Protein backbone atom coordinates (compact mmCIF):
# COMPACT_ATOMS: atom_id res chain seq x y z
CA ASP A 1 -3.17 -7.55 -18.82
CA LYS A 2 0.50 -7.87 -17.86
CA ILE A 3 1.94 -5.75 -20.65
CA ASN A 4 -0.76 -3.03 -19.57
CA GLN A 5 0.29 -3.45 -15.94
CA PHE A 6 4.12 -3.09 -17.22
CA LYS A 7 2.97 0.05 -19.26
CA THR A 8 1.48 1.63 -16.64
CA PHE A 9 3.93 1.06 -13.88
CA SER A 10 6.82 2.47 -16.33
CA GLU A 11 5.31 5.82 -17.01
CA ILE A 12 6.61 8.39 -14.65
CA PRO A 13 4.02 10.42 -12.91
CA PRO A 14 3.95 14.06 -13.01
CA LYS A 15 6.75 15.69 -10.92
CA GLU A 16 4.02 17.17 -8.34
CA LYS A 17 3.27 13.77 -7.08
CA TRP A 18 7.05 13.09 -6.26
CA LYS A 19 7.21 15.80 -3.63
CA PHE A 20 6.79 14.79 0.05
CA LYS A 21 3.11 14.80 1.80
CA LYS A 22 2.97 15.16 5.30
CA ARG A 23 0.69 13.08 7.47
CA PRO A 24 -2.87 14.46 8.11
CA SER A 25 -3.51 15.83 11.41
CA ALA A 26 -5.81 14.43 13.82
CA ASP A 27 -8.62 16.88 13.05
CA GLN A 28 -8.76 15.66 9.10
CA TRP A 29 -9.90 12.17 10.09
CA THR A 30 -13.21 11.45 9.27
CA GLN A 31 -14.81 7.83 9.61
CA LEU A 32 -15.80 5.74 6.76
CA LYS A 33 -19.35 4.69 6.84
CA GLU A 34 -19.26 2.48 4.28
CA SER A 35 -16.64 0.27 2.36
CA PRO A 36 -14.65 2.13 -0.49
CA LEU A 37 -14.79 0.45 -3.69
CA TYR A 38 -11.68 -1.36 -4.61
CA LYS A 39 -10.51 -2.87 -7.74
CA GLY A 40 -12.30 -5.53 -8.89
CA GLY A 41 -15.37 -4.50 -7.12
CA ASN A 42 -13.87 -5.70 -3.90
CA THR A 43 -15.43 -4.01 -0.70
CA LEU A 44 -14.86 -4.69 2.95
CA ARG A 45 -17.16 -6.31 5.43
CA PRO A 46 -18.18 -4.44 8.35
CA TYR A 47 -15.71 -5.52 10.61
CA GLN A 48 -13.12 -4.99 8.36
CA LEU A 49 -14.28 -1.58 7.76
CA GLU A 50 -14.17 -0.85 11.48
CA GLY A 51 -10.51 -2.21 11.60
CA LEU A 52 -9.55 0.31 8.60
CA ASN A 53 -11.09 3.09 10.68
CA TRP A 54 -8.99 1.98 13.56
CA LEU A 55 -6.01 1.90 11.45
CA LEU A 56 -6.82 5.36 9.54
CA PHE A 57 -8.06 6.92 12.97
CA SER A 58 -4.50 5.96 14.77
CA TRP A 59 -2.76 6.97 11.75
CA HIS A 60 -3.93 10.43 11.62
CA ASN A 61 -3.51 10.69 15.60
CA ASN A 62 0.48 9.56 15.28
CA ARG A 63 -0.38 6.27 17.14
CA ASN A 64 0.79 3.00 16.81
CA CYS A 65 -1.79 0.20 16.94
CA ILE A 66 -2.39 -3.45 16.32
CA LEU A 67 -4.65 -5.80 14.66
CA ALA A 68 -5.73 -8.72 16.78
CA ASP A 69 -8.32 -11.20 16.20
CA GLU A 70 -9.32 -14.73 15.07
CA MET A 71 -7.35 -15.88 12.15
CA GLY A 72 -9.40 -15.70 8.77
CA LEU A 73 -11.18 -12.39 9.65
CA GLY A 74 -9.31 -10.36 7.10
CA LYS A 75 -6.39 -8.75 8.78
CA THR A 76 -4.52 -8.98 5.48
CA ILE A 77 -7.16 -6.99 3.60
CA GLN A 78 -7.69 -4.46 6.28
CA SER A 79 -3.84 -4.06 6.29
CA LEU A 80 -3.50 -3.42 2.39
CA THR A 81 -6.43 -1.12 2.42
CA PHE A 82 -5.10 0.73 5.07
CA VAL A 83 -1.73 1.00 2.81
CA ASN A 84 -3.81 1.85 -0.26
CA ALA A 85 -5.54 4.84 1.61
CA VAL A 86 -2.14 6.16 2.58
CA TRP A 87 -1.05 5.95 -0.84
CA GLU A 88 -4.12 7.45 -2.22
CA TYR A 89 -3.52 10.39 0.36
CA GLY A 90 -0.64 11.22 -1.73
CA ILE A 91 2.20 9.46 0.33
CA ARG A 92 3.90 7.52 -2.33
CA GLY A 93 6.06 4.93 -0.28
CA PRO A 94 7.80 2.73 -0.77
CA PHE A 95 6.17 0.76 1.86
CA LEU A 96 7.67 -2.49 3.33
CA ILE A 97 5.35 -5.23 4.73
CA ILE A 98 7.07 -7.62 6.57
CA ALA A 99 5.61 -11.34 6.77
CA PRO A 100 6.13 -14.96 7.08
CA LEU A 101 8.13 -16.16 3.98
CA SER A 102 5.29 -18.60 3.51
CA THR A 103 2.53 -15.82 3.26
CA ILE A 104 4.45 -13.50 0.82
CA PRO A 105 2.62 -14.81 -2.13
CA ASN A 106 -0.66 -14.38 -0.61
CA TRP A 107 0.28 -11.04 0.44
CA GLN A 108 1.27 -10.02 -3.28
CA ARG A 109 -1.97 -11.85 -4.81
CA GLU A 110 -4.17 -9.66 -2.52
CA PHE A 111 -2.49 -6.34 -2.94
CA GLU A 112 -2.88 -7.01 -6.74
CA GLY A 113 -6.37 -8.11 -6.49
CA TRP A 114 -7.20 -5.06 -4.47
CA THR A 115 -5.18 -2.15 -5.47
CA GLU A 116 -3.61 -0.36 -8.47
CA MET A 117 -0.04 -0.26 -6.17
CA ASN A 118 3.00 -1.46 -7.99
CA VAL A 119 3.61 -4.64 -5.71
CA ILE A 120 7.52 -5.82 -5.58
CA VAL A 121 8.71 -8.89 -3.38
CA TYR A 122 12.01 -7.71 -1.98
CA HIS A 123 13.22 -11.10 -1.47
CA GLY A 124 16.27 -12.89 -2.89
CA SER A 125 20.03 -12.66 -3.44
CA GLN A 126 21.91 -9.44 -2.51
CA GLN A 127 22.29 -9.18 -6.28
CA SER A 128 18.51 -9.40 -6.84
CA LYS A 129 17.54 -7.01 -3.97
CA SER A 130 20.09 -4.43 -5.31
CA MET A 131 18.48 -4.23 -8.61
CA ILE A 132 15.11 -3.89 -7.11
CA GLN A 133 16.44 -0.96 -5.29
CA GLU A 134 18.22 0.54 -8.41
CA TYR A 135 14.95 0.16 -10.48
CA GLU A 136 11.82 -0.17 -8.47
CA PHE A 137 12.10 1.82 -5.09
CA TYR A 138 12.31 5.37 -6.50
CA TYR A 139 11.75 7.58 -9.69
CA LYS A 140 14.57 9.18 -10.99
CA ASN A 141 15.44 12.72 -12.23
CA GLU A 142 16.80 13.49 -15.68
CA LYS A 143 20.12 12.69 -14.27
CA GLY A 144 19.36 9.52 -13.25
CA GLU A 145 19.47 10.47 -9.48
CA PRO A 146 16.62 9.11 -7.07
């Protein structure tokens, strides 16, 4: 499975997928009535779907927002499904998730379990972060330029 994952993420997508894509306008937002089907057959609970709709509505309307509820109700899942929706729309990132160090493995595991996105933990020495910037953040053209 890891070999297939490596091959998938090593393939450079067609150039039309590299192009900058603008955020959709407010009138393009449509409420999701049911949960999309995610990797591994995962689906959102109704209250998580409501949170995803709130995040997408706010994004379409160019508004900042925050998820705040009781611990354990799936804010991580709501957040990563939002990032996944933005990615599926065609905005390729990179996306930066800032989280407490102790929760980073959970974020990585959830992204890998719910999405087809390439997840990179940007942490470590300056040398390792420089290597991540060099090889993981952007596709390079024929001249080796980002």
